Amino acid sequence: MNHVERFDPAAAGIAVPGTADEGAGSSVLAADLGRKRLPVRRQLAEHPGLQGAFGHDVRAGCQGAALPARDLLNGEARA
């Protein structure tokens, strides 16, 4: 593939490892990434029109695994 297609996403989901303050929308400490006090929700808000979700990586993974497949694939049920 010799080209990159441009697309404009409607939403972004960010999940961080380590300690997350989901209420404040920030990563408190992601030691393995070398990051402290990263205001994720505020940075997402800097992109008008982009809806964003923020959470802890393990919790977000568990929540995603609990959804029926049709919820993840535009309402189409797939095995």
Protein backbone atom coordinates (compact mmCIF):
# COMPACT_ATOMS: atom_id res chain seq x y z
CA MET A 1 0.00 0.00 0.00
CA ASN A 2 1.63 3.22 -1.14
CA HIS A 3 -0.88 5.76 0.10
CA VAL A 4 -2.61 6.77 3.29
CA GLU A 5 -6.30 7.54 3.11
CA ARG A 6 -7.51 10.51 5.11
CA PHE A 7 -10.57 10.10 7.23
CA ASP A 8 -12.35 12.28 9.75
CA PRO A 9 -13.35 10.20 12.77
CA ALA A 10 -16.57 11.03 14.58
CA ALA A 11 -15.34 9.74 17.94
CA ALA A 12 -12.24 8.58 19.79
CA GLY A 13 -11.91 6.24 22.73
CA ILE A 14 -8.76 6.57 24.83
CA ALA A 15 -7.89 3.99 27.48
CA VAL A 16 -4.78 4.34 29.61
CA PRO A 17 -2.85 1.89 31.77
CA GLY A 18 -1.87 2.65 35.35
CA THR A 19 -3.86 5.01 37.53
CA ALA A 20 -6.70 6.89 35.87
CA ASP A 21 -9.07 9.46 37.33
CA GLU A 22 -12.03 8.75 35.08
CA GLY A 23 -14.19 11.42 36.74
CA ALA A 24 -11.62 14.11 36.01
CA GLY A 25 -10.79 12.62 32.62
CA SER A 26 -7.08 12.37 33.30
CA SER A 27 -4.32 9.84 33.51
CA VAL A 28 -2.75 10.22 36.95
CA LEU A 29 0.22 7.89 36.43
CA ALA A 30 1.07 5.63 33.50
CA ALA A 31 4.54 4.55 34.66
CA ASP A 32 5.15 2.17 31.76
CA LEU A 33 4.51 5.04 29.33
CA GLY A 34 6.51 7.55 31.38
CA ARG A 35 3.50 9.87 31.74
CA LYS A 36 2.09 11.69 34.78
CA ARG A 37 -0.99 13.89 35.08
CA LEU A 38 -2.10 13.80 31.45
CA PRO A 39 -5.43 15.71 30.93
CA VAL A 40 -6.86 13.38 28.29
CA ARG A 41 -10.46 14.65 28.28
CA ARG A 42 -9.27 18.28 28.00
CA GLN A 43 -7.04 17.37 25.06
CA LEU A 44 -9.94 15.59 23.34
CA ALA A 45 -12.05 18.72 23.82
CA GLU A 46 -9.52 20.67 21.75
CA HIS A 47 -10.90 18.89 18.66
CA PRO A 48 -14.37 20.34 17.98
CA GLY A 49 -16.87 17.85 16.63
CA LEU A 50 -14.94 14.85 17.92
CA GLN A 51 -16.77 12.96 20.63
CA GLY A 52 -14.45 11.34 23.11
CA ALA A 53 -14.48 8.70 25.80
CA PHE A 54 -11.79 8.13 28.40
CA GLY A 55 -11.13 5.31 30.81
CA HIS A 56 -8.78 2.82 32.40
CA ASP A 57 -7.50 0.20 29.93
CA VAL A 58 -8.61 -2.93 31.84
CA ARG A 59 -12.04 -1.52 32.73
CA ALA A 60 -12.61 -0.37 29.14
CA GLY A 61 -11.61 -3.80 27.83
CA CYS A 62 -14.02 -5.55 30.19
CA GLN A 63 -16.84 -3.21 29.24
CA GLY A 64 -16.19 -3.83 25.55
CA ALA A 65 -16.09 -7.59 26.04
CA ALA A 66 -19.49 -7.44 27.74
CA LEU A 67 -21.20 -5.84 24.72
CA PRO A 68 -23.03 -8.02 22.21
CA ALA A 69 -21.18 -8.16 18.88
CA ARG A 70 -24.00 -6.28 17.11
CA ASP A 71 -23.37 -3.23 19.32
CA LEU A 72 -19.77 -3.11 18.13
CA LEU A 73 -20.55 -3.53 14.44
CA ASN A 74 -23.05 -0.80 13.58
CA GLY A 75 -26.03 -2.79 14.80
CA GLU A 76 -25.33 -5.82 12.60
CA ALA A 77 -25.22 -9.10 14.51
CA ARG A 78 -22.15 -11.10 13.52
CA ALA A 79 -20.55 -14.17 15.00
